[in-house]
Amino acid sequence: LKARAIAHAAERIPGIKEIPVVVVVEAAEIV
């Protein structure tokens, strides 16, 4: 259910699929 919710949100937010996962993980580590 979580995975489906995240996938659904990713479809609705423009440009989210183009962000590499590595960048998101690095940003989270810096935070």
PDB file of all heavy atoms in Angstrom:
ATOM      1  N   LEU A   1       0.832  -1.200   0.000  1.00  0.00           N
ATOM      2  CA  LEU A   1       0.000   0.000   0.000  1.00  0.00           C
ATOM      3  C   LEU A   1       0.867   1.250   0.000  1.00  0.00           C
ATOM      4  O   LEU A   1       0.588   2.205  -0.735  1.00  0.00           O
ATOM      5  CB  LEU A   1      -0.929  -0.010   1.216  1.00  0.00           C
ATOM      6  CG  LEU A   1      -1.890   1.171   1.327  1.00  0.00           C
ATOM      7  CD1 LEU A   1      -2.838   1.190   0.140  1.00  0.00           C
ATOM      8  CD2 LEU A   1      -2.669   1.065   2.617  1.00  0.00           C
ATOM      9  N   LYS A   2       1.949   1.230   0.797  1.00  0.00           N
ATOM     10  CA  LYS A   2       2.870   2.372   0.821  1.00  0.00           C
ATOM     11  C   LYS A   2       3.505   2.572  -0.552  1.00  0.00           C
ATOM     12  O   LYS A   2       3.594   3.689  -1.050  1.00  0.00           O
ATOM     13  CB  LYS A   2       3.981   2.159   1.850  1.00  0.00           C
ATOM     14  CG  LYS A   2       3.629   2.526   3.240  1.00  0.00           C
ATOM     15  CD  LYS A   2       4.865   2.407   4.104  1.00  0.00           C
ATOM     16  CE  LYS A   2       4.555   2.608   5.548  1.00  0.00           C
ATOM     17  NZ  LYS A   2       5.728   2.435   6.382  1.00  0.00           N
ATOM     18  N   ALA A   3       3.982   1.485  -1.136  1.00  0.00           N
ATOM     19  CA  ALA A   3       4.633   1.570  -2.446  1.00  0.00           C
ATOM     20  C   ALA A   3       3.669   2.128  -3.489  1.00  0.00           C
ATOM     21  O   ALA A   3       4.049   2.963  -4.323  1.00  0.00           O
ATOM     22  CB  ALA A   3       5.156   0.204  -2.866  1.00  0.00           C
ATOM     23  N   ARG A   4       2.413   1.684  -3.438  1.00  0.00           N
ATOM     24  CA  ARG A   4       1.426   2.193  -4.402  1.00  0.00           C
ATOM     25  C   ARG A   4       1.140   3.664  -4.175  1.00  0.00           C
ATOM     26  O   ARG A   4       0.989   4.433  -5.127  1.00  0.00           O
ATOM     27  CB  ARG A   4       0.146   1.378  -4.304  1.00  0.00           C
ATOM     28  CG  ARG A   4       0.286   0.031  -4.964  1.00  0.00           C
ATOM     29  CD  ARG A   4      -1.006  -0.710  -5.159  1.00  0.00           C
ATOM     30  NE  ARG A   4      -2.196  -0.071  -4.624  1.00  0.00           N
ATOM     31  CZ  ARG A   4      -3.221  -0.730  -4.107  1.00  0.00           C
ATOM     32  NH1 ARG A   4      -3.189  -2.034  -4.033  1.00  0.00           N
ATOM     33  NH2 ARG A   4      -4.274  -0.083  -3.660  1.00  0.00           N
ATOM     34  N   ALA A   5       1.088   4.084  -2.914  1.00  0.00           N
ATOM     35  CA  ALA A   5       0.837   5.492  -2.609  1.00  0.00           C
ATOM     36  C   ALA A   5       1.988   6.366  -3.108  1.00  0.00           C
ATOM     37  O   ALA A   5       1.762   7.435  -3.678  1.00  0.00           O
ATOM     38  CB  ALA A   5       0.645   5.681  -1.110  1.00  0.00           C
ATOM     39  N   ILE A   6       3.206   5.889  -2.903  1.00  0.00           N
ATOM     40  CA  ILE A   6       4.374   6.646  -3.378  1.00  0.00           C
ATOM     41  C   ILE A   6       4.382   6.714  -4.896  1.00  0.00           C
ATOM     42  O   ILE A   6       4.636   7.765  -5.493  1.00  0.00           O
ATOM     43  CB  ILE A   6       5.671   6.026  -2.826  1.00  0.00           C
ATOM     44  CG1 ILE A   6       5.753   6.256  -1.319  1.00  0.00           C
ATOM     45  CG2 ILE A   6       6.896   6.603  -3.524  1.00  0.00           C
ATOM     46  CD1 ILE A   6       6.857   5.492  -0.632  1.00  0.00           C
ATOM     47  N   ALA A   7       4.094   5.596  -5.550  1.00  0.00           N
ATOM     48  CA  ALA A   7       4.047   5.570  -7.013  1.00  0.00           C
ATOM     49  C   ALA A   7       2.972   6.506  -7.538  1.00  0.00           C
ATOM     50  O   ALA A   7       3.175   7.234  -8.516  1.00  0.00           O
ATOM     51  CB  ALA A   7       3.819   4.152  -7.500  1.00  0.00           C
ATOM     52  N   HIS A   8       1.820   6.521  -6.883  1.00  0.00           N
ATOM     53  CA  HIS A   8       0.726   7.405  -7.298  1.00  0.00           C
ATOM     54  C   HIS A   8       1.139   8.871  -7.142  1.00  0.00           C
ATOM     55  O   HIS A   8       0.884   9.692  -8.027  1.00  0.00           O
ATOM     56  CB  HIS A   8      -0.527   7.111  -6.481  1.00  0.00           C
ATOM     57  CG  HIS A   8      -1.701   7.950  -6.865  1.00  0.00           C
ATOM     58  ND1 HIS A   8      -2.334   7.826  -8.086  1.00  0.00           N
ATOM     59  CD2 HIS A   8      -2.334   8.944  -6.202  1.00  0.00           C
ATOM     60  CE1 HIS A   8      -3.307   8.711  -8.153  1.00  0.00           C
ATOM     61  NE2 HIS A   8      -3.338   9.398  -7.017  1.00  0.00           N
ATOM     62  N   ALA A   9       1.783   9.191  -6.026  1.00  0.00           N
ATOM     63  CA  ALA A   9       2.230  10.567  -5.803  1.00  0.00           C
ATOM     64  C   ALA A   9       3.280  10.955  -6.837  1.00  0.00           C
ATOM     65  O   ALA A   9       3.291  12.087  -7.336  1.00  0.00           O
ATOM     66  CB  ALA A   9       2.795  10.713  -4.397  1.00  0.00           C
ATOM     67  N   ALA A  10       4.172  10.023  -7.176  1.00  0.00           N
ATOM     68  CA  ALA A  10       5.212  10.312  -8.165  1.00  0.00           C
ATOM     69  C   ALA A  10       4.604  10.607  -9.532  1.00  0.00           C
ATOM     70  O   ALA A  10       5.152  11.411 -10.295  1.00  0.00           O
ATOM     71  CB  ALA A  10       6.184   9.141  -8.249  1.00  0.00           C
ATOM     72  N   GLU A  11       3.491   9.976  -9.848  1.00  0.00           N
ATOM     73  CA  GLU A  11       2.836  10.243 -11.129  1.00  0.00           C
ATOM     74  C   GLU A  11       2.202  11.625 -11.160  1.00  0.00           C
ATOM     75  O   GLU A  11       2.141  12.265 -12.208  1.00  0.00           O
ATOM     76  CB  GLU A  11       1.749   9.192 -11.386  1.00  0.00           C
ATOM     77  CG  GLU A  11       2.286   7.819 -11.683  1.00  0.00           C
ATOM     78  CD  GLU A  11       1.186   6.776 -11.773  1.00  0.00           C
ATOM     79  OE1 GLU A  11      -0.006   7.148 -11.642  1.00  0.00           O
ATOM     80  OE2 GLU A  11       1.519   5.600 -11.956  1.00  0.00           O
ATOM     81  N   ARG A  12       1.764  12.100 -10.029  1.00  0.00           N
ATOM     82  CA  ARG A  12       1.028  13.368  -9.985  1.00  0.00           C
ATOM     83  C   ARG A  12       1.932  14.589  -9.850  1.00  0.00           C
ATOM     84  O   ARG A  12       1.509  15.693 -10.129  1.00  0.00           O
ATOM     85  CB  ARG A  12       0.038  13.342  -8.827  1.00  0.00           C
ATOM     86  CG  ARG A  12      -0.922  12.155  -8.982  1.00  0.00           C
ATOM     87  CD  ARG A  12      -2.097  12.270  -8.142  1.00  0.00           C
ATOM     88  NE  ARG A  12      -2.935  13.335  -8.724  1.00  0.00           N
ATOM     89  CZ  ARG A  12      -3.899  13.931  -8.069  1.00  0.00           C
ATOM     90  NH1 ARG A  12      -4.158  13.584  -6.853  1.00  0.00           N
ATOM     91  NH2 ARG A  12      -4.609  14.862  -8.642  1.00  0.00           N
ATOM     92  N   ILE A  13       3.176  14.399  -9.406  1.00  0.00           N
ATOM     93  CA  ILE A  13       4.095  15.522  -9.223  1.00  0.00           C
ATOM     94  C   ILE A  13       4.986  15.619 -10.457  1.00  0.00           C
ATOM     95  O   ILE A  13       5.765  14.709 -10.731  1.00  0.00           O
ATOM     96  CB  ILE A  13       4.950  15.347  -7.955  1.00  0.00           C
ATOM     97  CG1 ILE A  13       4.045  15.242  -6.732  1.00  0.00           C
ATOM     98  CG2 ILE A  13       5.937  16.497  -7.808  1.00  0.00           C
ATOM     99  CD1 ILE A  13       4.773  14.875  -5.460  1.00  0.00           C
ATOM    100  N   PRO A  14       4.879  16.709 -11.206  1.00  0.00           N
ATOM    101  CA  PRO A  14       5.665  16.810 -12.440  1.00  0.00           C
ATOM    102  C   PRO A  14       7.166  16.872 -12.152  1.00  0.00           C
ATOM    103  O   PRO A  14       7.620  17.552 -11.238  1.00  0.00           O
ATOM    104  CB  PRO A  14       5.186  18.113 -13.076  1.00  0.00           C
ATOM    105  CG  PRO A  14       4.368  18.807 -12.066  1.00  0.00           C
ATOM    106  CD  PRO A  14       4.044  17.854 -10.969  1.00  0.00           C
ATOM    107  N   GLY A  15       7.929  16.132 -12.926  1.00  0.00           N
ATOM    108  CA  GLY A  15       9.380  16.178 -12.823  1.00  0.00           C
ATOM    109  C   GLY A  15       9.986  15.306 -11.749  1.00  0.00           C
ATOM    110  O   GLY A  15      11.207  15.183 -11.669  1.00  0.00           O
ATOM    111  N   ILE A  16       9.178  14.675 -10.917  1.00  0.00           N
ATOM    112  CA  ILE A  16       9.723  13.901  -9.789  1.00  0.00           C
ATOM    113  C   ILE A  16      10.465  12.661 -10.282  1.00  0.00           C
ATOM    114  O   ILE A  16      11.440  12.235  -9.668  1.00  0.00           O
ATOM    115  CB  ILE A  16       8.620  13.530  -8.771  1.00  0.00           C
ATOM    116  CG1 ILE A  16       9.221  13.070  -7.445  1.00  0.00           C
ATOM    117  CG2 ILE A  16       7.730  12.444  -9.292  1.00  0.00           C
ATOM    118  CD1 ILE A  16       9.686  14.165  -6.587  1.00  0.00           C
ATOM    119  N   LYS A  17      10.041  12.099 -11.382  1.00  0.00           N
ATOM    120  CA  LYS A  17      10.693  10.887 -11.884  1.00  0.00           C
ATOM    121  C   LYS A  17      12.091  11.177 -12.432  1.00  0.00           C
ATOM    122  O   LYS A  17      12.905  10.275 -12.528  1.00  0.00           O
ATOM    123  CB  LYS A  17       9.841  10.227 -12.956  1.00  0.00           C
ATOM    124  CG  LYS A  17       8.597   9.567 -12.403  1.00  0.00           C
ATOM    125  CD  LYS A  17       7.843   8.863 -13.491  1.00  0.00           C
ATOM    126  CE  LYS A  17       6.604   8.191 -12.934  1.00  0.00           C
ATOM    127  NZ  LYS A  17       5.844   7.515 -13.975  1.00  0.00           N
ATOM    128  N   GLU A  18      12.356  12.425 -12.812  1.00  0.00           N
ATOM    129  CA  GLU A  18      13.657  12.771 -13.379  1.00  0.00           C
ATOM    130  C   GLU A  18      14.741  12.975 -12.317  1.00  0.00           C
ATOM    131  O   GLU A  18      15.914  13.075 -12.638  1.00  0.00           O
ATOM    132  CB  GLU A  18      13.551  14.035 -14.240  1.00  0.00           C
ATOM    133  CG  GLU A  18      12.900  13.795 -15.592  1.00  0.00           C
ATOM    134  CD  GLU A  18      11.381  13.675 -15.508  1.00  0.00           C
ATOM    135  OE1 GLU A  18      10.787  14.316 -14.631  1.00  0.00           O
ATOM    136  OE2 GLU A  18      10.811  12.931 -16.314  1.00  0.00           O
ATOM    137  N   ILE A  19      14.358  13.063 -11.047  1.00  0.00           N
ATOM    138  CA  ILE A  19      15.337  13.266  -9.977  1.00  0.00           C
ATOM    139  C   ILE A  19      15.973  11.924  -9.637  1.00  0.00           C
ATOM    140  O   ILE A  19      15.280  10.992  -9.247  1.00  0.00           O
ATOM    141  CB  ILE A  19      14.678  13.863  -8.722  1.00  0.00           C
ATOM    142  CG1 ILE A  19      14.066  15.220  -9.036  1.00  0.00           C
ATOM    143  CG2 ILE A  19      15.702  13.996  -7.596  1.00  0.00           C
ATOM    144  CD1 ILE A  19      13.266  15.801  -7.894  1.00  0.00           C
ATOM    145  N   PRO A  20      17.298  11.816  -9.793  1.00  0.00           N
ATOM    146  CA  PRO A  20      17.949  10.547  -9.458  1.00  0.00           C
ATOM    147  C   PRO A  20      17.829  10.248  -7.964  1.00  0.00           C
ATOM    148  O   PRO A  20      17.893  11.137  -7.123  1.00  0.00           O
ATOM    149  CB  PRO A  20      19.415  10.779  -9.826  1.00  0.00           C
ATOM    150  CG  PRO A  20      19.422  11.989 -10.684  1.00  0.00           C
ATOM    151  CD  PRO A  20      18.212  12.786 -10.331  1.00  0.00           C
ATOM    152  N   VAL A  21      17.653   8.986  -7.648  1.00  0.00           N
ATOM    153  CA  VAL A  21      17.486   8.559  -6.267  1.00  0.00           C
ATOM    154  C   VAL A  21      18.725   8.899  -5.447  1.00  0.00           C
ATOM    155  O   VAL A  21      18.625   9.272  -4.283  1.00  0.00           O
ATOM    156  CB  VAL A  21      17.186   7.042  -6.205  1.00  0.00           C
ATOM    157  CG1 VAL A  21      17.148   6.551  -4.780  1.00  0.00           C
ATOM    158  CG2 VAL A  21      15.890   6.736  -6.909  1.00  0.00           C
ATOM    159  N   VAL A  22      19.890   8.827  -6.042  1.00  0.00           N
ATOM    160  CA  VAL A  22      21.139   9.123  -5.334  1.00  0.00           C
ATOM    161  C   VAL A  22      21.127  10.553  -4.806  1.00  0.00           C
ATOM    162  O   VAL A  22      21.542  10.812  -3.671  1.00  0.00           O
ATOM    163  CB  VAL A  22      22.354   8.887  -6.259  1.00  0.00           C
ATOM    164  CG1 VAL A  22      23.634   9.329  -5.600  1.00  0.00           C
ATOM    165  CG2 VAL A  22      22.432   7.439  -6.673  1.00  0.00           C
ATOM    166  N   VAL A  23      20.617  11.477  -5.598  1.00  0.00           N
ATOM    167  CA  VAL A  23      20.565  12.879  -5.173  1.00  0.00           C
ATOM    168  C   VAL A  23      19.639  13.029  -3.973  1.00  0.00           C
ATOM    169  O   VAL A  23      19.950  13.748  -3.013  1.00  0.00           O
ATOM    170  CB  VAL A  23      20.113  13.776  -6.348  1.00  0.00           C
ATOM    171  CG1 VAL A  23      19.873  15.199  -5.882  1.00  0.00           C
ATOM    172  CG2 VAL A  23      21.137  13.744  -7.465  1.00  0.00           C
ATOM    173  N   VAL A  24      18.526  12.358  -3.993  1.00  0.00           N
ATOM    174  CA  VAL A  24      17.570  12.429  -2.886  1.00  0.00           C
ATOM    175  C   VAL A  24      18.185  11.842  -1.620  1.00  0.00           C
ATOM    176  O   VAL A  24      18.054  12.421  -0.527  1.00  0.00           O
ATOM    177  CB  VAL A  24      16.257  11.699  -3.251  1.00  0.00           C
ATOM    178  CG1 VAL A  24      15.318  11.638  -2.067  1.00  0.00           C
ATOM    179  CG2 VAL A  24      15.593  12.376  -4.432  1.00  0.00           C
ATOM    180  N   VAL A  25      18.876  10.717  -1.739  1.00  0.00           N
ATOM    181  CA  VAL A  25      19.508  10.088  -0.573  1.00  0.00           C
ATOM    182  C   VAL A  25      20.598  10.981  -0.008  1.00  0.00           C
ATOM    183  O   VAL A  25      20.704  11.169   1.213  1.00  0.00           O
ATOM    184  CB  VAL A  25      20.061   8.687  -0.948  1.00  0.00           C
ATOM    185  CG1 VAL A  25      20.920   8.132   0.156  1.00  0.00           C
ATOM    186  CG2 VAL A  25      18.922   7.746  -1.262  1.00  0.00           C
ATOM    187  N   GLU A  26      21.426  11.577  -0.875  1.00  0.00           N
ATOM    188  CA  GLU A  26      22.485  12.472  -0.401  1.00  0.00           C
ATOM    189  C   GLU A  26      21.899  13.702   0.290  1.00  0.00           C
ATOM    190  O   GLU A  26      22.399  14.142   1.319  1.00  0.00           O
ATOM    191  CB  GLU A  26      23.393  12.884  -1.551  1.00  0.00           C
ATOM    192  CG  GLU A  26      24.311  11.772  -2.008  1.00  0.00           C
ATOM    193  CD  GLU A  26      25.183  12.159  -3.177  1.00  0.00           C
ATOM    194  OE1 GLU A  26      24.918  13.195  -3.824  1.00  0.00           O
ATOM    195  OE2 GLU A  26      26.135  11.421  -3.453  1.00  0.00           O
ATOM    196  N   ALA A  27      20.832  14.251  -0.267  1.00  0.00           N
ATOM    197  CA  ALA A  27      20.188  15.408   0.361  1.00  0.00           C
ATOM    198  C   ALA A  27      19.642  15.031   1.735  1.00  0.00           C
ATOM    199  O   ALA A  27      19.774  15.800   2.694  1.00  0.00           O
ATOM    200  CB  ALA A  27      19.066  15.931  -0.531  1.00  0.00           C
ATOM    201  N   ALA A  28      19.066  13.855   1.853  1.00  0.00           N
ATOM    202  CA  ALA A  28      18.538  13.401   3.141  1.00  0.00           C
ATOM    203  C   ALA A  28      19.668  13.225   4.155  1.00  0.00           C
ATOM    204  O   ALA A  28      19.512  13.576   5.335  1.00  0.00           O
ATOM    205  CB  ALA A  28      17.776  12.086   2.973  1.00  0.00           C
ATOM    206  N   GLU A  29      20.812  12.705   3.720  1.00  0.00           N
ATOM    207  CA  GLU A  29      21.953  12.546   4.628  1.00  0.00           C
ATOM    208  C   GLU A  29      22.458  13.908   5.115  1.00  0.00           C
ATOM    209  O   GLU A  29      22.810  14.064   6.287  1.00  0.00           O
ATOM    210  CB  GLU A  29      23.076  11.783   3.934  1.00  0.00           C
ATOM    211  CG  GLU A  29      22.780  10.312   3.765  1.00  0.00           C
ATOM    212  CD  GLU A  29      23.903   9.549   3.084  1.00  0.00           C
ATOM    213  OE1 GLU A  29      24.872  10.179   2.610  1.00  0.00           O
ATOM    214  OE2 GLU A  29      23.819   8.316   3.038  1.00  0.00           O
ATOM    215  N   ILE A  30      22.478  14.898   4.239  1.00  0.00           N
ATOM    216  CA  ILE A  30      22.923  16.240   4.634  1.00  0.00           C
ATOM    217  C   ILE A  30      21.928  16.847   5.624  1.00  0.00           C
ATOM    218  O   ILE A  30      22.331  17.483   6.606  1.00  0.00           O
ATOM    219  CB  ILE A  30      23.115  17.130   3.396  1.00  0.00           C
ATOM    220  CG1 ILE A  30      24.303  16.608   2.588  1.00  0.00           C
ATOM    221  CG2 ILE A  30      23.327  18.587   3.791  1.00  0.00           C
ATOM    222  CD1 ILE A  30      24.457  17.244   1.231  1.00  0.00           C
ATOM    223  N   VAL A  31      20.654  16.636   5.394  1.00  0.00           N
ATOM    224  CA  VAL A  31      19.636  17.134   6.332  1.00  0.00           C
ATOM    225  C   VAL A  31      19.830  16.497   7.704  1.00  0.00           C
ATOM    226  O   VAL A  31      19.744  17.174   8.742  1.00  0.00           O
ATOM    227  CB  VAL A  31      18.218  16.878   5.783  1.00  0.00           C
ATOM    228  CG1 VAL A  31      17.167  17.103   6.847  1.00  0.00           C
ATOM    229  CG2 VAL A  31      17.958  17.760   4.581  1.00  0.00           C
TER     230      VAL A  31
END
